[in-house]
Amino acid sequence: MKRRMLGKTDLSVSEICLGSMYFGWREPKEQSLERLDQFIEAGGNFIDTANIYAMHHLNDKDYFGKDRDLFIDGGSERLLGEWMKEKKNRSQLILATKLGFPYPGIDYGTGAAQIKEECEKSLKRLGTDYVDLLYLHTDDRNTPLEESLTALGELVAEGKVRYIGASNFTAWRLAQAMEISKERNLPEYCCIQQRCTYLRPRTGTDFGGQISVNEDMMDFVRESGITLLAYSPLLGGYYNDRTKPLMEQYQGADTQARLNVLDQVAAEAGVTPAQAVYYWLMHSDPSVMPLVASSTRKQFEEALGVLEMELSQEQMERLTKAGI
């Protein structure tokens, strides 16, 4: 797997990032560990988690069975910590986690005290004394940007965090934060992680606490040199299986027009629609790094197959210009 630099940092990361949101939730322990090993064997080194991952089904006793305790209070981070301890591979990885959203006992927010407390908890669960990348998972409008950036800067100065990232920010707020960092000599966000896929949500639609990429953000990424990472790039498997529900925000004439072109290009290239989506993201301008969170070995192998495929410039242009 090829490597690329993360923003303007010295972090050399694999061209796809392994998302661990489902580790210990939809993917039991053994299956999660298999996916991690498979990712490393394929040459990957960039792993994404968050303090809230695997907290969604704390009372699902039948699902977790005897391993249920592993998934209480930051289950994804704990699983990663155990895996890294067993493999002794922490130094070979680029590890990212996030904070800011609420979970049982913790309120929403990115105030200074909460940033530091949640970072310490994540480090303990991960069994490491630093993370390569710490995201603010959300833009907390009740906390001044200066306060959050100063707290993140202190964690960087202490060696507990190497670089910082943002997620679910609008372009203008991200730009404002970057200016504050420059003015006050604070760490700058090196990447932005947003909801991003091939289909375009209808104008004005809302995803709650999630922010979907728009043209303003794309322009900012091009001009600033930060890296854009895409979460939910496959819309829960919808591209390959149209019997699955499609989020209401994506429904409309534009969606059908783009799906028609996507299916045509995928058929021409002999790939799945999901593979064509991954490829389009990775080779667009700006290039988008997808978070791969496949639930099965077959799905993960499908994602890895994107690294060996190629679409023509004409096919890429058709995909980009499709729609109304």
Protein backbone atom coordinates (compact mmCIF):
# COMPACT_ATOMS: atom_id res chain seq x y z
CA MET A 1 0.00 0.00 0.00
CA LYS A 2 1.32 3.42 -0.97
CA ARG A 3 1.93 6.14 1.58
CA ARG A 4 1.11 9.83 1.52
CA MET A 5 1.89 12.72 3.83
CA LEU A 6 -0.85 13.83 6.19
CA GLY A 7 -1.39 17.52 5.50
CA LYS A 8 1.83 19.46 6.06
CA THR A 9 3.05 17.13 8.81
CA ASP A 10 5.85 14.57 8.75
CA LEU A 11 3.36 11.72 9.21
CA SER A 12 3.59 9.21 6.38
CA VAL A 13 0.28 7.38 6.33
CA SER A 14 -1.21 4.60 4.24
CA GLU A 15 -3.47 5.75 1.42
CA ILE A 16 -6.49 4.30 3.15
CA CYS A 17 -7.26 4.64 6.83
CA LEU A 18 -8.77 1.78 8.83
CA GLY A 19 -11.85 2.93 10.72
CA SER A 20 -12.51 1.07 13.95
CA MET A 21 -15.96 2.42 14.79
CA TYR A 22 -17.52 -1.05 14.61
CA PHE A 23 -14.81 -2.86 16.58
CA GLY A 24 -16.55 -4.49 19.50
CA TRP A 25 -19.98 -3.45 18.25
CA ARG A 26 -20.89 -4.88 14.86
CA GLU A 27 -17.57 -6.71 14.74
CA PRO A 28 -16.88 -8.97 17.74
CA LYS A 29 -13.40 -9.17 19.20
CA GLU A 30 -12.04 -12.00 17.06
CA GLN A 31 -13.32 -10.46 13.85
CA SER A 32 -11.94 -7.03 14.79
CA LEU A 33 -8.50 -8.46 15.49
CA GLU A 34 -8.56 -10.29 12.16
CA ARG A 35 -9.35 -7.03 10.37
CA LEU A 36 -6.45 -5.26 12.09
CA ASP A 37 -4.01 -8.01 11.12
CA GLN A 38 -5.33 -8.01 7.56
CA PHE A 39 -4.82 -4.24 7.32
CA ILE A 40 -1.23 -4.43 8.54
CA GLU A 41 -0.44 -7.34 6.21
CA ALA A 42 -1.69 -5.20 3.29
CA GLY A 43 0.77 -2.45 4.22
CA GLY A 44 -1.59 -0.18 6.15
CA ASN A 45 -0.46 1.83 9.14
CA PHE A 46 -3.15 4.51 9.73
CA ILE A 47 -5.86 3.55 12.25
CA ASP A 48 -8.79 5.73 13.32
CA THR A 49 -10.80 5.45 16.53
CA ALA A 50 -12.64 7.68 19.02
CA ASN A 51 -13.50 7.75 22.69
CA ILE A 52 -17.19 7.08 21.94
CA TYR A 53 -16.73 4.11 19.61
CA ALA A 54 -18.29 0.82 20.73
CA MET A 55 -20.39 2.51 23.39
CA HIS A 56 -23.66 2.20 21.55
CA HIS A 57 -24.79 -1.20 22.78
CA LEU A 58 -23.62 -1.38 26.37
CA ASN A 59 -26.66 -3.44 27.43
CA ASP A 60 -26.55 -5.93 24.58
CA LYS A 61 -25.45 -8.90 26.71
CA ASP A 62 -26.33 -11.59 24.19
CA TYR A 63 -24.26 -9.95 21.47
CA PHE A 64 -21.08 -9.45 23.45
CA GLY A 65 -21.28 -12.60 25.57
CA LYS A 66 -18.22 -13.35 27.69
CA ASP A 67 -16.19 -10.55 26.05
CA ARG A 68 -18.75 -7.89 26.93
CA ASP A 69 -16.54 -6.26 29.59
CA LEU A 70 -14.01 -5.38 26.90
CA PHE A 71 -16.51 -3.09 25.26
CA ILE A 72 -17.63 -1.01 28.21
CA ASP A 73 -16.28 2.55 28.28
CA GLY A 74 -14.30 3.08 25.08
CA GLY A 75 -14.42 -0.43 23.70
CA SER A 76 -12.73 0.33 20.39
CA GLU A 77 -9.78 2.03 22.08
CA ARG A 78 -9.43 -0.80 24.61
CA LEU A 79 -9.42 -3.43 21.88
CA LEU A 80 -6.75 -1.51 19.94
CA GLY A 81 -4.70 -1.18 23.11
CA GLU A 82 -4.77 -4.92 23.75
CA TRP A 83 -3.92 -5.66 20.13
CA MET A 84 -0.94 -3.26 20.10
CA LYS A 85 0.34 -4.69 23.36
CA GLU A 86 0.18 -8.22 21.99
CA LYS A 87 1.75 -7.32 18.63
CA LYS A 88 4.29 -4.85 20.10
CA ASN A 89 3.72 -2.65 17.06
CA ARG A 90 2.75 0.75 18.50
CA SER A 91 5.80 2.49 17.00
CA GLN A 92 4.90 1.23 13.51
CA LEU A 93 1.42 2.79 13.54
CA ILE A 94 -0.13 6.19 12.99
CA LEU A 95 -2.89 6.23 15.57
CA ALA A 96 -5.75 8.75 15.62
CA THR A 97 -8.52 9.22 18.15
CA LYS A 98 -11.22 11.82 18.78
CA LEU A 99 -13.11 13.54 21.57
CA GLY A 100 -15.94 16.00 22.03
CA PHE A 101 -19.20 14.08 21.69
CA PRO A 102 -21.06 12.99 24.84
CA TYR A 103 -21.23 9.49 26.25
CA PRO A 104 -22.64 8.09 29.50
CA GLY A 105 -21.37 10.31 32.31
CA ILE A 106 -19.66 12.84 30.01
CA ASP A 107 -21.30 15.92 28.52
CA TYR A 108 -20.83 17.30 25.03
CA GLY A 109 -17.99 19.79 24.65
CA THR A 110 -14.39 20.69 23.88
CA GLY A 111 -13.54 22.92 26.80
CA ALA A 112 -9.92 22.88 27.98
CA ALA A 113 -10.49 20.69 31.03
CA GLN A 114 -12.56 18.15 29.09
CA ILE A 115 -10.03 17.93 26.26
CA LYS A 116 -7.24 17.10 28.70
CA GLU A 117 -9.31 14.68 30.77
CA GLU A 118 -10.62 12.79 27.74
CA CYS A 119 -7.16 12.63 26.18
CA GLU A 120 -5.80 11.04 29.35
CA LYS A 121 -8.62 8.48 29.34
CA SER A 122 -7.97 7.62 25.71
CA LEU A 123 -4.24 7.19 26.31
CA LYS A 124 -4.98 4.84 29.20
CA ARG A 125 -7.45 2.77 27.18
CA LEU A 126 -5.04 2.60 24.24
CA GLY A 127 -2.14 1.66 26.48
CA THR A 128 0.13 4.31 24.99
CA ASP A 129 1.70 7.55 26.18
CA TYR A 130 0.91 9.46 22.98
CA VAL A 131 -1.38 9.56 19.96
CA ASP A 132 -0.16 10.66 16.56
CA LEU A 133 -3.35 12.54 15.80
CA LEU A 134 -6.04 13.91 18.10
CA TYR A 135 -9.25 15.20 16.54
CA LEU A 136 -11.88 17.43 17.95
CA HIS A 137 -14.82 15.26 16.90
CA THR A 138 -17.17 18.23 16.79
CA ASP A 139 -17.16 22.02 16.65
CA ASP A 140 -18.36 23.07 20.09
CA ARG A 141 -19.81 26.54 19.50
CA ASN A 142 -20.10 27.13 23.27
CA THR A 143 -16.32 27.02 23.73
CA PRO A 144 -14.07 29.67 22.19
CA LEU A 145 -11.81 28.30 19.48
CA GLU A 146 -8.86 29.84 21.34
CA GLU A 147 -9.60 27.78 24.44
CA SER A 148 -9.75 24.47 22.59
CA LEU A 149 -6.65 25.21 20.50
CA THR A 150 -4.66 26.29 23.56
CA ALA A 151 -5.53 23.05 25.37
CA LEU A 152 -4.56 21.01 22.32
CA GLY A 153 -1.31 22.97 22.10
CA GLU A 154 -0.48 22.10 25.68
CA LEU A 155 -1.01 18.41 24.96
CA VAL A 156 1.33 18.71 21.97
CA ALA A 157 3.94 20.47 24.12
CA GLU A 158 3.67 17.68 26.70
CA GLY A 159 4.32 15.04 24.03
CA LYS A 160 0.94 13.37 24.50
CA VAL A 161 -0.28 14.40 21.04
CA ARG A 162 1.82 14.84 17.89
CA TYR A 163 -0.68 16.57 15.60
CA ILE A 164 -4.27 17.77 15.73
CA GLY A 165 -7.25 17.38 13.42
CA ALA A 166 -10.84 18.58 13.17
CA SER A 167 -14.06 16.77 12.32
CA ASN A 168 -17.54 18.06 11.61
CA PHE A 169 -16.45 21.67 11.17
CA THR A 170 -17.76 24.06 8.53
CA ALA A 171 -15.16 25.56 6.20
CA TRP A 172 -15.41 29.06 7.65
CA ARG A 173 -14.97 27.83 11.22
CA LEU A 174 -11.99 25.72 10.20
CA ALA A 175 -10.46 28.71 8.43
CA GLN A 176 -11.05 30.85 11.52
CA ALA A 177 -9.34 28.26 13.71
CA MET A 178 -6.34 28.12 11.37
CA GLU A 179 -5.95 31.90 11.56
CA ILE A 180 -6.06 31.81 15.35
CA SER A 181 -3.38 29.13 15.37
CA LYS A 182 -1.13 31.26 13.16
CA GLU A 183 -1.70 34.43 15.18
CA ARG A 184 -1.06 32.76 18.55
CA ASN A 185 1.63 30.30 17.49
CA LEU A 186 -0.58 27.32 18.32
CA PRO A 187 -0.72 23.96 16.52
CA GLU A 188 -2.73 24.02 13.29
CA TYR A 189 -5.24 21.42 12.20
CA CYS A 190 -3.54 19.18 9.66
CA CYS A 191 -6.65 17.38 8.46
CA ILE A 192 -10.42 17.50 8.41
CA GLN A 193 -12.66 14.43 8.67
CA GLN A 194 -16.19 14.86 7.29
CA ARG A 195 -19.13 12.91 5.98
CA CYS A 196 -18.19 12.49 2.32
CA THR A 197 -19.30 10.20 -0.47
CA TYR A 198 -20.08 10.15 -4.18
CA LEU A 199 -23.72 11.12 -3.82
CA ARG A 200 -24.50 14.72 -2.95
CA PRO A 201 -26.97 15.55 -0.19
CA ARG A 202 -29.81 17.90 -1.06
CA THR A 203 -29.07 21.55 -0.36
CA GLY A 204 -30.09 22.56 3.13
CA THR A 205 -30.39 19.04 4.53
CA ASP A 206 -29.18 18.42 8.07
CA PHE A 207 -27.22 15.47 9.47
CA GLY A 208 -27.46 16.52 13.10
CA GLY A 209 -23.99 16.63 14.65
CA GLN A 210 -22.39 15.45 11.41
CA ILE A 211 -21.24 17.86 8.71
CA SER A 212 -21.21 16.82 5.06
CA VAL A 213 -18.48 18.04 2.73
CA ASN A 214 -19.53 20.87 0.41
CA GLU A 215 -17.78 22.94 -2.25
CA ASP A 216 -16.63 25.51 0.30
CA MET A 217 -14.79 22.81 2.21
CA MET A 218 -13.35 21.35 -0.99
CA ASP A 219 -12.01 24.77 -1.95
CA PHE A 220 -10.50 25.26 1.51
CA VAL A 221 -8.77 21.87 1.36
CA ARG A 222 -7.29 22.66 -2.06
CA GLU A 223 -5.95 26.03 -0.94
CA SER A 224 -4.76 25.14 2.56
CA GLY A 225 -3.00 21.85 1.87
CA ILE A 226 -4.70 19.99 4.70
CA THR A 227 -5.87 16.41 4.16
CA LEU A 228 -9.56 15.55 3.78
CA LEU A 229 -10.70 12.20 5.17
CA ALA A 230 -14.11 10.74 4.35
CA TYR A 231 -16.27 8.91 6.84
CA SER A 232 -19.36 6.97 5.68
CA PRO A 233 -17.98 6.87 2.11
CA LEU A 234 -20.14 3.88 1.12
CA LEU A 235 -23.37 4.92 2.84
CA GLY A 236 -23.67 1.67 4.74
CA GLY A 237 -23.18 -0.53 1.69
CA TYR A 238 -25.90 1.13 -0.39
CA TYR A 239 -23.87 1.42 -3.59
CA ASN A 240 -23.52 -2.35 -3.96
CA ASP A 241 -26.91 -3.25 -2.52
CA ARG A 242 -29.73 -0.89 -3.53
CA THR A 243 -32.21 -2.82 -1.37
CA LYS A 244 -30.59 -1.16 1.65
CA PRO A 245 -32.20 2.05 2.86
CA LEU A 246 -30.77 5.31 1.55
CA MET A 247 -30.69 8.24 3.94
CA GLU A 248 -33.45 10.75 3.19
CA GLN A 249 -30.88 13.54 2.80
CA TYR A 250 -29.52 11.89 -0.36
CA GLN A 251 -32.81 11.12 -2.07
CA GLY A 252 -33.68 13.05 -5.22
CA ALA A 253 -33.21 13.36 -8.97
CA ASP A 254 -29.52 14.26 -8.66
CA THR A 255 -28.87 11.01 -6.82
CA GLN A 256 -30.47 8.86 -9.51
CA ALA A 257 -28.53 10.64 -12.25
CA ARG A 258 -25.23 10.06 -10.45
CA LEU A 259 -26.06 6.44 -9.68
CA ASN A 260 -26.76 5.80 -13.36
CA VAL A 261 -23.30 7.05 -14.35
CA LEU A 262 -21.65 5.25 -11.43
CA ASP A 263 -23.18 1.94 -12.51
CA GLN A 264 -22.14 2.51 -16.12
CA VAL A 265 -18.53 3.26 -15.22
CA ALA A 266 -18.30 0.36 -12.78
CA ALA A 267 -19.61 -2.05 -15.41
CA GLU A 268 -17.17 -0.72 -18.02
CA ALA A 269 -14.22 -1.12 -15.64
CA GLY A 270 -15.30 -4.50 -14.29
CA VAL A 271 -15.42 -3.28 -10.71
CA THR A 272 -18.13 -2.90 -8.11
CA PRO A 273 -19.91 0.44 -7.63
CA ALA A 274 -18.33 0.66 -4.16
CA GLN A 275 -14.86 0.29 -5.65
CA ALA A 276 -15.62 3.01 -8.18
CA VAL A 277 -16.69 5.32 -5.33
CA TYR A 278 -13.49 4.66 -3.39
CA TYR A 279 -11.38 5.26 -6.50
CA TRP A 280 -13.23 8.46 -7.40
CA LEU A 281 -12.68 9.85 -3.91
CA MET A 282 -8.98 8.95 -3.85
CA HIS A 283 -8.25 10.40 -7.29
CA SER A 284 -10.38 13.52 -7.26
CA ASP A 285 -9.14 17.07 -6.81
CA PRO A 286 -8.59 17.40 -3.92
CA SER A 287 -7.76 13.79 -3.18
CA VAL A 288 -9.91 12.35 -0.41
CA MET A 289 -8.69 9.60 1.93
CA PRO A 290 -11.50 7.13 2.70
CA LEU A 291 -12.01 5.55 6.08
CA VAL A 292 -12.57 1.87 5.43
CA ALA A 293 -14.76 0.20 8.04
CA SER A 294 -15.66 -3.07 6.31
CA SER A 295 -17.62 -5.62 8.32
CA THR A 296 -16.39 -8.75 6.52
CA ARG A 297 -13.15 -10.05 5.05
CA LYS A 298 -14.74 -10.02 1.60
CA GLN A 299 -15.70 -6.35 1.93
CA PHE A 300 -12.23 -5.47 3.12
CA GLU A 301 -10.60 -7.34 0.24
CA GLU A 302 -12.93 -5.43 -2.09
CA ALA A 303 -11.63 -2.15 -0.62
CA LEU A 304 -8.01 -3.26 -1.02
CA GLY A 305 -8.75 -4.13 -4.64
CA VAL A 306 -9.19 -0.42 -5.32
CA LEU A 307 -5.44 -0.01 -4.90
CA GLU A 308 -4.88 -2.17 -7.99
CA MET A 309 -7.59 -0.76 -10.28
CA GLU A 310 -7.59 2.21 -12.64
CA LEU A 311 -10.27 4.38 -14.18
CA SER A 312 -9.60 6.51 -17.25
CA GLN A 313 -9.60 10.29 -17.12
CA GLU A 314 -12.75 10.26 -19.24
CA GLN A 315 -14.50 7.95 -16.77
CA MET A 316 -13.43 10.14 -13.85
CA GLU A 317 -14.80 13.22 -15.61
CA ARG A 318 -18.12 11.49 -16.27
CA LEU A 319 -18.40 10.56 -12.61
CA THR A 320 -17.54 14.07 -11.46
CA LYS A 321 -19.88 15.88 -13.86
CA ALA A 322 -22.82 13.51 -13.42
CA GLY A 323 -26.03 14.87 -11.94
CA ILE A 324 -28.32 17.81 -12.36
